[in-house]
Amino acid sequence: MVDTSLYAAFLIAAFALCVTPGPDMMFIVAVGGRGGPLTGMAAAVGVACAMLVHTVAAALGLSALFLTLPTLYEALHWAGAAYLLFLAVRAFRGADGPVEAGTAPGNGRRRAFWRGAVTNLLNPKVILFNVSFLPQFVNPALGHVREQFLVLGCTITLMGVIVDGSVGALSGKLASLLRRSRRIARGLDYFSGTVFAGLAVRLLAAPK
C-alpha cells in the first residue's frame, strides 16, 4: 500500500520531528509539571487523538479545503491563541491546582486529555503540516492515496504518543517530587502559565 523507500525516509523524518521540542511537547511538559506523570501522559494521548483527526481530515481533502477559506483559518488561529491564554491565566491563578491531587484524580487526567486535544485541534499550523509534509511521502502511482495518508498519519501519531508520553511522564514525575514544597509548587504553576502564554504568542506571531 505504501512505497517502502518513501516510508523508510518518512520514518527517519518523523522521528526527527517527534524528538525535536515543539509546541505540543512544551504543552505536555507544562501539563505534566502541574499534574504529575499520568496527567502528562493523558495530555500526550489527547494530542495524539487530535493528530488522528487532522490526518483523517487531510486524507479526505478537508484540510486543503479549509485553507482556501482565509476567514475560517484566521478564526481558528485566534481561537487557538485565546484558549492557550485561558489556560495560562488558570495556571497563574493556580485555579486547577495539582490535578492529580484530591479525591478524583481521574478528573484531572480527563481534563488534561481534552486540553491536549483541543489545543492541537485549534492549531492551524498542524493543518499546514498535514497538507505539506505527508504528501511528500505518498506515491500516487501505487494508488490508494487516501490509505497511504492514513498509514503515514497513524505512524507519526503512534511515534508521537510514545515520545511525548515519555516526556510527559518524566516531567510529571520530577514535578511530583518538587511539589512537596509549596513554594516550588507555585513556581511550577507560574512556569506552566508562562509556557501556555508563550505558545499563544508564538501562534499569533507565526506567519499566516
N, C-alpha and C. Protein backbone atom coordinates (compact mmCIF):
# COMPACT_ATOMS: atom_id res chain seq x y z
N MET A 1 0.82 -1.21 0.00
CA MET A 1 0.00 0.00 0.00
C MET A 1 0.85 1.26 0.00
N VAL A 2 2.08 1.19 0.59
CA VAL A 2 2.95 2.35 0.63
C VAL A 2 4.26 2.02 -0.07
N ASP A 3 4.94 3.06 -0.54
CA ASP A 3 6.26 2.92 -1.14
C ASP A 3 7.26 2.68 -0.02
N THR A 4 7.92 1.52 -0.04
CA THR A 4 8.80 1.17 1.07
C THR A 4 9.98 2.13 1.23
N SER A 5 10.54 2.59 0.12
CA SER A 5 11.66 3.53 0.23
C SER A 5 11.20 4.88 0.78
N LEU A 6 10.03 5.32 0.33
CA LEU A 6 9.48 6.57 0.85
C LEU A 6 9.11 6.42 2.32
N TYR A 7 8.60 5.25 2.67
CA TYR A 7 8.19 5.02 4.06
C TYR A 7 9.41 5.00 4.99
N ALA A 8 10.51 4.43 4.52
CA ALA A 8 11.74 4.42 5.32
C ALA A 8 12.23 5.85 5.55
N ALA A 9 12.18 6.66 4.49
CA ALA A 9 12.58 8.07 4.63
C ALA A 9 11.63 8.80 5.57
N PHE A 10 10.34 8.46 5.48
CA PHE A 10 9.34 9.08 6.34
C PHE A 10 9.61 8.76 7.81
N LEU A 11 9.97 7.52 8.11
CA LEU A 11 10.24 7.13 9.49
C LEU A 11 11.37 7.96 10.09
N ILE A 12 12.40 8.20 9.30
CA ILE A 12 13.53 9.00 9.78
C ILE A 12 13.10 10.44 10.02
N ALA A 13 12.38 11.00 9.03
CA ALA A 13 11.93 12.40 9.16
C ALA A 13 10.94 12.54 10.31
N ALA A 14 10.03 11.59 10.45
CA ALA A 14 9.02 11.66 11.50
C ALA A 14 9.66 11.56 12.88
N PHE A 15 10.64 10.67 13.02
CA PHE A 15 11.32 10.54 14.31
C PHE A 15 12.04 11.82 14.68
N ALA A 16 12.69 12.43 13.68
CA ALA A 16 13.40 13.69 13.95
C ALA A 16 12.41 14.77 14.41
N LEU A 17 11.23 14.80 13.78
CA LEU A 17 10.22 15.78 14.17
C LEU A 17 9.69 15.50 15.58
N CYS A 18 9.49 14.24 15.90
CA CYS A 18 8.90 13.88 17.20
C CYS A 18 9.83 14.18 18.36
N VAL A 19 11.14 14.01 18.17
CA VAL A 19 12.07 14.22 19.29
C VAL A 19 12.54 15.67 19.38
N THR A 20 12.19 16.48 18.37
CA THR A 20 12.55 17.90 18.41
C THR A 20 11.51 18.64 19.26
N PRO A 21 11.94 19.35 20.30
CA PRO A 21 10.97 20.08 21.14
C PRO A 21 10.15 21.07 20.31
N GLY A 22 8.85 21.00 20.46
CA GLY A 22 7.96 21.90 19.75
C GLY A 22 6.81 22.31 20.65
N PRO A 23 5.81 23.00 20.10
CA PRO A 23 4.68 23.47 20.91
C PRO A 23 3.95 22.36 21.66
N ASP A 24 3.70 21.24 20.97
CA ASP A 24 2.98 20.15 21.63
C ASP A 24 3.77 19.58 22.80
N MET A 25 5.08 19.39 22.59
CA MET A 25 5.91 18.84 23.66
C MET A 25 5.99 19.80 24.84
N MET A 26 6.14 21.09 24.55
CA MET A 26 6.20 22.07 25.62
C MET A 26 4.88 22.11 26.39
N PHE A 27 3.78 21.99 25.68
CA PHE A 27 2.46 21.95 26.33
C PHE A 27 2.37 20.75 27.26
N ILE A 28 2.80 19.60 26.79
CA ILE A 28 2.74 18.37 27.58
C ILE A 28 3.63 18.46 28.81
N VAL A 29 4.83 19.05 28.65
CA VAL A 29 5.72 19.24 29.79
C VAL A 29 5.05 20.13 30.84
N ALA A 30 4.40 21.20 30.37
CA ALA A 30 3.73 22.12 31.30
C ALA A 30 2.59 21.43 32.03
N VAL A 31 1.80 20.64 31.31
CA VAL A 31 0.68 19.94 31.93
C VAL A 31 1.18 18.88 32.91
N GLY A 32 2.20 18.13 32.49
CA GLY A 32 2.77 17.13 33.38
C GLY A 32 3.37 17.77 34.62
N GLY A 33 3.97 18.95 34.44
CA GLY A 33 4.55 19.66 35.56
C GLY A 33 3.52 20.08 36.58
N ARG A 34 2.31 20.33 36.16
CA ARG A 34 1.26 20.74 37.08
C ARG A 34 0.56 19.54 37.70
N GLY A 35 0.44 18.44 36.94
CA GLY A 35 -0.41 17.35 37.42
C GLY A 35 0.25 16.04 37.74
N GLY A 36 1.49 15.83 37.30
CA GLY A 36 2.14 14.56 37.57
C GLY A 36 2.25 13.69 36.33
N PRO A 37 2.90 12.54 36.44
CA PRO A 37 3.20 11.70 35.28
C PRO A 37 1.99 11.21 34.50
N LEU A 38 0.96 10.73 35.20
CA LEU A 38 -0.21 10.22 34.48
C LEU A 38 -0.95 11.33 33.76
N THR A 39 -0.95 12.51 34.33
CA THR A 39 -1.59 13.66 33.69
C THR A 39 -0.82 14.08 32.45
N GLY A 40 0.52 14.06 32.54
CA GLY A 40 1.33 14.37 31.36
C GLY A 40 1.09 13.38 30.24
N MET A 41 0.96 12.11 30.60
CA MET A 41 0.68 11.09 29.59
C MET A 41 -0.71 11.26 29.00
N ALA A 42 -1.68 11.66 29.82
CA ALA A 42 -3.04 11.89 29.33
C ALA A 42 -3.06 13.03 28.32
N ALA A 43 -2.28 14.08 28.58
CA ALA A 43 -2.20 15.20 27.64
C ALA A 43 -1.59 14.73 26.32
N ALA A 44 -0.58 13.85 26.40
CA ALA A 44 0.06 13.34 25.19
C ALA A 44 -0.92 12.51 24.36
N VAL A 45 -1.76 11.72 25.02
CA VAL A 45 -2.76 10.92 24.31
C VAL A 45 -3.80 11.84 23.66
N GLY A 46 -4.16 12.93 24.36
CA GLY A 46 -5.10 13.89 23.79
C GLY A 46 -4.56 14.53 22.52
N VAL A 47 -3.29 14.91 22.57
CA VAL A 47 -2.65 15.49 21.38
C VAL A 47 -2.63 14.47 20.25
N ALA A 48 -2.33 13.21 20.57
CA ALA A 48 -2.27 12.16 19.56
C ALA A 48 -3.63 11.94 18.90
N CYS A 49 -4.68 11.93 19.69
CA CYS A 49 -6.03 11.76 19.14
C CYS A 49 -6.39 12.91 18.21
N ALA A 50 -5.99 14.11 18.57
CA ALA A 50 -6.24 15.27 17.70
C ALA A 50 -5.46 15.14 16.40
N MET A 51 -4.24 14.62 16.49
CA MET A 51 -3.44 14.40 15.28
C MET A 51 -4.13 13.41 14.34
N LEU A 52 -4.77 12.39 14.91
CA LEU A 52 -5.51 11.44 14.08
C LEU A 52 -6.67 12.12 13.36
N VAL A 53 -7.34 13.03 14.07
CA VAL A 53 -8.42 13.78 13.44
C VAL A 53 -7.89 14.60 12.27
N HIS A 54 -6.75 15.27 12.49
CA HIS A 54 -6.13 16.04 11.41
C HIS A 54 -5.74 15.14 10.24
N THR A 55 -5.25 13.94 10.54
CA THR A 55 -4.84 13.01 9.49
C THR A 55 -6.02 12.59 8.64
N VAL A 56 -7.11 12.25 9.29
CA VAL A 56 -8.32 11.85 8.56
C VAL A 56 -8.82 13.01 7.70
N ALA A 57 -8.79 14.22 8.26
CA ALA A 57 -9.22 15.41 7.51
C ALA A 57 -8.34 15.62 6.27
N ALA A 58 -7.03 15.42 6.44
CA ALA A 58 -6.12 15.58 5.31
C ALA A 58 -6.38 14.51 4.26
N ALA A 59 -6.61 13.28 4.70
CA ALA A 59 -6.87 12.18 3.77
C ALA A 59 -8.14 12.41 2.97
N LEU A 60 -9.13 13.03 3.60
CA LEU A 60 -10.40 13.31 2.93
C LEU A 60 -10.37 14.60 2.12
N GLY A 61 -9.25 15.33 2.23
CA GLY A 61 -9.14 16.59 1.50
C GLY A 61 -9.75 17.77 2.21
N LEU A 62 -10.23 17.57 3.45
CA LEU A 62 -10.89 18.66 4.18
C LEU A 62 -9.90 19.73 4.62
N SER A 63 -8.68 19.32 4.97
CA SER A 63 -7.68 20.30 5.41
C SER A 63 -7.34 21.28 4.30
N ALA A 64 -7.13 20.75 3.09
CA ALA A 64 -6.81 21.62 1.96
C ALA A 64 -7.97 22.56 1.65
N LEU A 65 -9.19 22.03 1.77
CA LEU A 65 -10.38 22.87 1.55
C LEU A 65 -10.44 23.98 2.59
N PHE A 66 -10.13 23.65 3.82
CA PHE A 66 -10.17 24.62 4.91
C PHE A 66 -9.22 25.78 4.64
N LEU A 67 -8.05 25.47 4.06
CA LEU A 67 -7.05 26.51 3.83
C LEU A 67 -7.47 27.47 2.72
N THR A 68 -8.47 27.10 1.93
CA THR A 68 -8.95 28.00 0.89
C THR A 68 -9.95 29.02 1.46
N LEU A 69 -10.26 28.89 2.75
CA LEU A 69 -11.19 29.80 3.41
C LEU A 69 -10.43 30.61 4.45
N PRO A 70 -9.81 31.73 4.04
CA PRO A 70 -8.94 32.50 4.94
C PRO A 70 -9.64 32.96 6.22
N THR A 71 -10.91 33.30 6.15
CA THR A 71 -11.61 33.79 7.33
C THR A 71 -11.69 32.72 8.41
N LEU A 72 -12.04 31.50 8.01
CA LEU A 72 -12.12 30.41 8.97
C LEU A 72 -10.74 30.06 9.53
N TYR A 73 -9.74 30.11 8.66
CA TYR A 73 -8.37 29.84 9.10
C TYR A 73 -7.94 30.86 10.15
N GLU A 74 -8.24 32.13 9.89
CA GLU A 74 -7.89 33.19 10.82
C GLU A 74 -8.64 33.03 12.14
N ALA A 75 -9.92 32.65 12.04
CA ALA A 75 -10.72 32.45 13.25
C ALA A 75 -10.13 31.33 14.11
N LEU A 76 -9.69 30.25 13.46
CA LEU A 76 -9.08 29.15 14.19
C LEU A 76 -7.78 29.59 14.85
N HIS A 77 -7.04 30.43 14.14
CA HIS A 77 -5.78 30.97 14.65
C HIS A 77 -6.01 31.70 15.97
N TRP A 78 -7.01 32.58 15.98
CA TRP A 78 -7.30 33.37 17.18
C TRP A 78 -7.92 32.52 18.28
N ALA A 79 -8.75 31.55 17.89
CA ALA A 79 -9.37 30.67 18.89
C ALA A 79 -8.31 29.85 19.62
N GLY A 80 -7.32 29.36 18.87
CA GLY A 80 -6.25 28.59 19.50
C GLY A 80 -5.45 29.42 20.48
N ALA A 81 -5.12 30.66 20.07
CA ALA A 81 -4.35 31.54 20.95
C ALA A 81 -5.17 31.91 22.19
N ALA A 82 -6.47 32.17 22.01
CA ALA A 82 -7.33 32.53 23.15
C ALA A 82 -7.42 31.38 24.15
N TYR A 83 -7.51 30.16 23.64
CA TYR A 83 -7.61 29.01 24.53
C TYR A 83 -6.31 28.83 25.33
N LEU A 84 -5.18 29.02 24.69
CA LEU A 84 -3.89 28.92 25.40
C LEU A 84 -3.76 30.01 26.46
N LEU A 85 -4.23 31.21 26.14
CA LEU A 85 -4.20 32.29 27.13
C LEU A 85 -5.12 31.99 28.30
N PHE A 86 -6.26 31.38 28.02
CA PHE A 86 -7.17 30.96 29.08
C PHE A 86 -6.47 29.98 30.02
N LEU A 87 -5.76 29.01 29.46
CA LEU A 87 -5.02 28.05 30.28
C LEU A 87 -3.91 28.74 31.06
N ALA A 88 -3.28 29.75 30.46
CA ALA A 88 -2.21 30.48 31.13
C ALA A 88 -2.75 31.20 32.36
N VAL A 89 -3.90 31.86 32.20
CA VAL A 89 -4.49 32.59 33.32
C VAL A 89 -4.84 31.63 34.46
N ARG A 90 -5.42 30.48 34.13
CA ARG A 90 -5.76 29.50 35.17
C ARG A 90 -4.51 28.98 35.88
N ALA A 91 -3.45 28.81 35.11
CA ALA A 91 -2.21 28.33 35.73
C ALA A 91 -1.62 29.38 36.66
N PHE A 92 -1.58 30.63 36.21
CA PHE A 92 -1.04 31.70 37.05
C PHE A 92 -1.85 31.84 38.35
N ARG A 93 -3.15 31.63 38.25
CA ARG A 93 -4.02 31.73 39.43
C ARG A 93 -3.99 30.46 40.27
N GLY A 94 -3.39 29.40 39.74
CA GLY A 94 -3.40 28.13 40.45
C GLY A 94 -4.81 27.58 40.56
N ALA A 95 -5.63 27.88 39.55
CA ALA A 95 -7.06 27.54 39.62
C ALA A 95 -7.31 26.04 39.66
N ASP A 96 -6.49 25.28 38.96
CA ASP A 96 -6.72 23.84 38.92
C ASP A 96 -5.97 23.10 40.03
N GLY A 97 -4.88 23.70 40.47
CA GLY A 97 -4.07 23.04 41.48
C GLY A 97 -3.40 21.82 40.90
N PRO A 98 -2.71 21.05 41.72
CA PRO A 98 -2.12 19.80 41.24
C PRO A 98 -3.23 18.86 40.81
N VAL A 99 -3.35 18.59 39.54
CA VAL A 99 -4.53 17.90 39.04
C VAL A 99 -4.59 16.44 39.42
N GLU A 100 -3.54 15.92 40.03
CA GLU A 100 -3.64 14.55 40.49
C GLU A 100 -3.94 14.49 41.99
N ALA A 101 -4.12 15.64 42.58
CA ALA A 101 -4.45 15.66 44.00
C ALA A 101 -5.96 15.62 44.16
N GLY A 102 -6.42 15.37 45.37
CA GLY A 102 -7.86 15.40 45.60
C GLY A 102 -8.48 14.02 45.56
N THR A 103 -9.76 13.99 45.59
CA THR A 103 -10.46 12.71 45.71
C THR A 103 -10.76 12.08 44.36
N ALA A 104 -10.64 12.82 43.27
CA ALA A 104 -10.96 12.26 41.96
C ALA A 104 -9.84 12.59 40.98
N PRO A 105 -8.71 11.90 41.05
CA PRO A 105 -7.60 12.20 40.16
C PRO A 105 -7.94 11.98 38.70
N GLY A 106 -8.89 11.06 38.43
CA GLY A 106 -9.26 10.82 37.05
C GLY A 106 -9.81 12.06 36.36
N ASN A 107 -10.45 12.95 37.12
CA ASN A 107 -10.98 14.18 36.54
C ASN A 107 -9.86 15.04 35.96
N GLY A 108 -8.75 15.13 36.69
CA GLY A 108 -7.62 15.91 36.21
C GLY A 108 -7.02 15.32 34.96
N ARG A 109 -6.97 14.00 34.88
CA ARG A 109 -6.40 13.36 33.70
C ARG A 109 -7.32 13.54 32.50
N ARG A 110 -8.62 13.44 32.73
CA ARG A 110 -9.56 13.69 31.63
C ARG A 110 -9.45 15.12 31.15
N ARG A 111 -9.31 16.06 32.09
CA ARG A 111 -9.15 17.46 31.72
C ARG A 111 -7.87 17.66 30.90
N ALA A 112 -6.80 16.99 31.32
CA ALA A 112 -5.54 17.11 30.59
C ALA A 112 -5.67 16.53 29.18
N PHE A 113 -6.39 15.40 29.07
CA PHE A 113 -6.61 14.79 27.75
C PHE A 113 -7.33 15.75 26.81
N TRP A 114 -8.44 16.32 27.30
CA TRP A 114 -9.22 17.21 26.44
C TRP A 114 -8.49 18.49 26.13
N ARG A 115 -7.71 19.00 27.08
CA ARG A 115 -6.94 20.21 26.81
C ARG A 115 -5.88 19.95 25.75
N GLY A 116 -5.24 18.78 25.83
CA GLY A 116 -4.26 18.43 24.80
C GLY A 116 -4.90 18.32 23.43
N ALA A 117 -6.08 17.69 23.39
CA ALA A 117 -6.78 17.52 22.12
C ALA A 117 -7.23 18.86 21.54
N VAL A 118 -7.85 19.69 22.38
CA VAL A 118 -8.37 20.97 21.90
C VAL A 118 -7.22 21.89 21.45
N THR A 119 -6.15 21.92 22.23
CA THR A 119 -5.02 22.77 21.86
C THR A 119 -4.46 22.40 20.50
N ASN A 120 -4.35 21.10 20.24
CA ASN A 120 -3.82 20.66 18.94
C ASN A 120 -4.82 20.91 17.82
N LEU A 121 -6.10 20.65 18.08
CA LEU A 121 -7.12 20.85 17.04
C LEU A 121 -7.24 22.31 16.64
N LEU A 122 -7.01 23.23 17.59
CA LEU A 122 -7.14 24.66 17.30
C LEU A 122 -5.84 25.28 16.79
N ASN A 123 -4.86 24.46 16.49
CA ASN A 123 -3.59 24.97 15.96
C ASN A 123 -3.59 24.84 14.44
N PRO A 124 -3.76 25.94 13.71
CA PRO A 124 -3.82 25.85 12.25
C PRO A 124 -2.50 25.40 11.63
N LYS A 125 -1.40 25.52 12.37
CA LYS A 125 -0.11 25.09 11.84
C LYS A 125 -0.08 23.57 11.66
N VAL A 126 -0.87 22.86 12.46
CA VAL A 126 -0.95 21.41 12.30
C VAL A 126 -1.63 21.06 10.98
N ILE A 127 -2.62 21.87 10.60
CA ILE A 127 -3.28 21.66 9.31
C ILE A 127 -2.27 21.86 8.18
N LEU A 128 -1.49 22.93 8.27
CA LEU A 128 -0.46 23.17 7.26
C LEU A 128 0.54 22.02 7.20
N PHE A 129 0.89 21.49 8.36
CA PHE A 129 1.84 20.39 8.41
C PHE A 129 1.30 19.18 7.64
N ASN A 130 0.05 18.84 7.89
CA ASN A 130 -0.52 17.65 7.26
C ASN A 130 -0.65 17.79 5.74
N VAL A 131 -0.95 18.99 5.27
CA VAL A 131 -1.14 19.15 3.83
C VAL A 131 0.16 19.45 3.10
N SER A 132 1.26 19.66 3.83
CA SER A 132 2.53 19.94 3.18
C SER A 132 3.57 18.83 3.41
N PHE A 133 3.54 18.21 4.59
CA PHE A 133 4.56 17.21 4.92
C PHE A 133 4.18 15.81 4.44
N LEU A 134 2.99 15.35 4.80
CA LEU A 134 2.59 13.98 4.48
C LEU A 134 2.59 13.68 2.97
N PRO A 135 2.10 14.60 2.10
CA PRO A 135 2.06 14.27 0.67
C PRO A 135 3.43 13.98 0.06
N GLN A 136 4.50 14.46 0.68
CA GLN A 136 5.84 14.21 0.14
C GLN A 136 6.19 12.72 0.16
N PHE A 137 5.49 11.96 1.00
CA PHE A 137 5.81 10.54 1.15
C PHE A 137 4.69 9.64 0.62
N VAL A 138 3.82 10.23 -0.17
CA VAL A 138 2.75 9.48 -0.82
C VAL A 138 3.12 9.26 -2.27
N ASN A 139 2.99 8.04 -2.73
CA ASN A 139 3.28 7.71 -4.13
C ASN A 139 1.96 7.48 -4.86
N PRO A 140 1.49 8.47 -5.63
CA PRO A 140 0.20 8.33 -6.32
C PRO A 140 0.16 7.15 -7.29
N ALA A 141 1.34 6.77 -7.81
CA ALA A 141 1.38 5.68 -8.79
C ALA A 141 0.92 4.35 -8.18
N LEU A 142 1.02 4.22 -6.87
CA LEU A 142 0.61 2.99 -6.20
C LEU A 142 -0.90 2.94 -5.96
N GLY A 143 -1.57 4.09 -6.15
CA GLY A 143 -2.99 4.16 -5.86
C GLY A 143 -3.26 4.20 -4.37
N HIS A 144 -4.50 4.11 -3.99
CA HIS A 144 -4.88 4.11 -2.57
C HIS A 144 -4.25 5.30 -1.83
N VAL A 145 -4.35 6.47 -2.44
CA VAL A 145 -3.72 7.66 -1.86
C VAL A 145 -4.27 7.95 -0.47
N ARG A 146 -5.56 7.83 -0.31
CA ARG A 146 -6.17 8.10 1.00
C ARG A 146 -5.64 7.14 2.06
N GLU A 147 -5.51 5.87 1.67
CA GLU A 147 -5.00 4.88 2.62
C GLU A 147 -3.53 5.16 2.97
N GLN A 148 -2.76 5.62 1.98
CA GLN A 148 -1.37 5.96 2.25
C GLN A 148 -1.28 7.11 3.27
N PHE A 149 -2.13 8.10 3.10
CA PHE A 149 -2.20 9.21 4.06
C PHE A 149 -2.45 8.68 5.46
N LEU A 150 -3.42 7.76 5.57
CA LEU A 150 -3.79 7.25 6.88
C LEU A 150 -2.65 6.45 7.51
N VAL A 151 -1.95 5.65 6.71
CA VAL A 151 -0.81 4.88 7.24
C VAL A 151 0.27 5.82 7.76
N LEU A 152 0.60 6.85 6.98
CA LEU A 152 1.62 7.80 7.41
C LEU A 152 1.17 8.56 8.66
N GLY A 153 -0.09 9.00 8.66
CA GLY A 153 -0.59 9.75 9.80
C GLY A 153 -0.63 8.92 11.07
N CYS A 154 -1.07 7.66 10.95
CA CYS A 154 -1.11 6.78 12.12
C CYS A 154 0.30 6.49 12.63
N THR A 155 1.24 6.37 11.71
CA THR A 155 2.62 6.08 12.10
C THR A 155 3.21 7.22 12.92
N ILE A 156 3.09 8.46 12.42
CA ILE A 156 3.68 9.58 13.15
C ILE A 156 2.90 9.86 14.43
N THR A 157 1.60 9.54 14.45
CA THR A 157 0.82 9.71 15.68
C THR A 157 1.29 8.73 16.75
N LEU A 158 1.48 7.47 16.37
CA LEU A 158 1.97 6.47 17.32
C LEU A 158 3.36 6.83 17.82
N MET A 159 4.21 7.26 16.92
CA MET A 159 5.56 7.66 17.31
C MET A 159 5.50 8.85 18.26
N GLY A 160 4.62 9.78 17.96
CA GLY A 160 4.50 10.98 18.79
C GLY A 160 4.00 10.68 20.18
N VAL A 161 3.02 9.78 20.30
CA VAL A 161 2.46 9.50 21.63
C VAL A 161 3.48 8.76 22.49
N ILE A 162 4.34 7.95 21.87
CA ILE A 162 5.39 7.27 22.64
C ILE A 162 6.40 8.28 23.16
N VAL A 163 6.85 9.17 22.28
CA VAL A 163 7.85 10.17 22.68
C VAL A 163 7.25 11.17 23.66
N ASP A 164 6.11 11.76 23.29
CA ASP A 164 5.50 12.78 24.14
C ASP A 164 4.99 12.20 25.45
N GLY A 165 4.48 10.96 25.40
CA GLY A 165 4.02 10.33 26.62
C GLY A 165 5.17 10.12 27.60
N SER A 166 6.32 9.73 27.06
CA SER A 166 7.50 9.54 27.91
C SER A 166 7.95 10.86 28.51
N VAL A 167 7.94 11.90 27.68
CA VAL A 167 8.34 13.23 28.17
C VAL A 167 7.37 13.71 29.25
N GLY A 168 6.06 13.53 29.00
CA GLY A 168 5.06 13.96 29.97
C GLY A 168 5.19 13.22 31.29
N ALA A 169 5.47 11.90 31.21
CA ALA A 169 5.63 11.11 32.43
C ALA A 169 6.86 11.54 33.21
N LEU A 170 7.96 11.79 32.50
CA LEU A 170 9.20 12.19 33.18
C LEU A 170 9.06 13.56 33.83
N SER A 171 8.46 14.50 33.09
CA SER A 171 8.28 15.84 33.67
C SER A 171 7.33 15.79 34.85
N GLY A 172 6.30 14.94 34.74
CA GLY A 172 5.35 14.80 35.84
C GLY A 172 5.97 14.17 37.06
N LYS A 173 6.83 13.19 36.85
CA LYS A 173 7.50 12.53 37.97
C LYS A 173 8.39 13.52 38.72
N LEU A 174 9.15 14.29 37.96
CA LEU A 174 10.02 15.29 38.59
C LEU A 174 9.19 16.32 39.33
N ALA A 175 8.10 16.76 38.70
CA ALA A 175 7.25 17.78 39.33
C ALA A 175 6.61 17.25 40.61
N SER A 176 6.24 15.96 40.60
CA SER A 176 5.62 15.38 41.80
C SER A 176 6.57 15.43 42.98
N LEU A 177 7.85 15.24 42.72
CA LEU A 177 8.84 15.32 43.78
C LEU A 177 9.02 16.75 44.26
N LEU A 178 9.04 17.68 43.29
CA LEU A 178 9.27 19.08 43.63
C LEU A 178 8.08 19.71 44.35
N ARG A 179 6.87 19.20 44.09
CA ARG A 179 5.67 19.81 44.65
C ARG A 179 5.53 19.59 46.16
N ARG A 180 6.44 18.85 46.74
CA ARG A 180 6.40 18.70 48.19
C ARG A 180 6.67 20.04 48.89
N SER A 181 7.27 20.95 48.14
CA SER A 181 7.47 22.31 48.65
C SER A 181 6.39 23.20 48.07
N ARG A 182 5.64 23.89 48.92
CA ARG A 182 4.56 24.77 48.45
C ARG A 182 5.10 25.88 47.55
N ARG A 183 6.28 26.41 47.90
CA ARG A 183 6.86 27.48 47.09
C ARG A 183 7.22 26.97 45.69
N ILE A 184 7.79 25.78 45.63
CA ILE A 184 8.14 25.22 44.33
C ILE A 184 6.88 24.89 43.54
N ALA A 185 5.83 24.44 44.25
CA ALA A 185 4.57 24.13 43.58
C ALA A 185 4.01 25.36 42.87
N ARG A 186 4.06 26.50 43.54
CA ARG A 186 3.58 27.73 42.91
C ARG A 186 4.50 28.13 41.75
N GLY A 187 5.79 27.85 41.93
CA GLY A 187 6.72 28.14 40.84
C GLY A 187 6.41 27.33 39.60
N LEU A 188 5.99 26.07 39.80
CA LEU A 188 5.61 25.23 38.66
C LEU A 188 4.35 25.76 37.99
N ASP A 189 3.43 26.29 38.79
CA ASP A 189 2.23 26.90 38.21
C ASP A 189 2.62 28.09 37.32
N TYR A 190 3.54 28.92 37.82
CA TYR A 190 3.98 30.07 37.03
C TYR A 190 4.73 29.63 35.77
N PHE A 191 5.50 28.55 35.91
CA PHE A 191 6.20 28.02 34.74
C PHE A 191 5.21 27.57 33.68
N SER A 192 4.19 26.81 34.12
CA SER A 192 3.17 26.33 33.18
C SER A 192 2.44 27.50 32.53
N GLY A 193 2.08 28.50 33.33
CA GLY A 193 1.40 29.67 32.78
C GLY A 193 2.25 30.39 31.76
N THR A 194 3.54 30.50 32.04
CA THR A 194 4.46 31.15 31.10
C THR A 194 4.56 30.37 29.80
N VAL A 195 4.60 29.04 29.90
CA VAL A 195 4.65 28.20 28.70
C VAL A 195 3.39 28.38 27.86
N PHE A 196 2.22 28.33 28.51
CA PHE A 196 0.96 28.48 27.78
C PHE A 196 0.89 29.86 27.10
N ALA A 197 1.27 30.90 27.84
CA ALA A 197 1.23 32.25 27.27
C ALA A 197 2.22 32.37 26.12
N GLY A 198 3.41 31.79 26.29
CA GLY A 198 4.40 31.83 25.23
C GLY A 198 3.94 31.12 23.97
N LEU A 199 3.25 29.99 24.14
CA LEU A 199 2.71 29.28 22.98
C LEU A 199 1.64 30.10 22.27
N ALA A 200 0.84 30.82 23.05
CA ALA A 200 -0.19 31.69 22.44
C ALA A 200 0.45 32.80 21.61
N VAL A 201 1.48 33.43 22.17
CA VAL A 201 2.19 34.50 21.45
C VAL A 201 2.85 33.93 20.20
N ARG A 202 3.44 32.75 20.34
CA ARG A 202 4.11 32.11 19.19
C ARG A 202 3.12 31.82 18.08
N LEU A 203 1.93 31.37 18.46
CA LEU A 203 0.91 31.05 17.47
C LEU A 203 0.46 32.31 16.73
N LEU A 204 0.28 33.41 17.49
CA LEU A 204 -0.17 34.65 16.87
C LEU A 204 0.92 35.31 16.03
N ALA A 205 2.18 35.15 16.46
CA ALA A 205 3.30 35.82 15.78
C ALA A 205 3.76 35.06 14.54
N ALA A 206 3.42 33.78 14.47
CA ALA A 206 3.88 32.96 13.33
C ALA A 206 3.24 33.47 12.04
N PRO A 207 3.96 33.38 10.92
CA PRO A 207 3.39 33.82 9.63
C PRO A 207 2.14 33.04 9.30
N LYS A 208 1.13 33.74 8.81
CA LYS A 208 -0.12 33.08 8.46
C LYS A 208 0.04 32.28 7.17
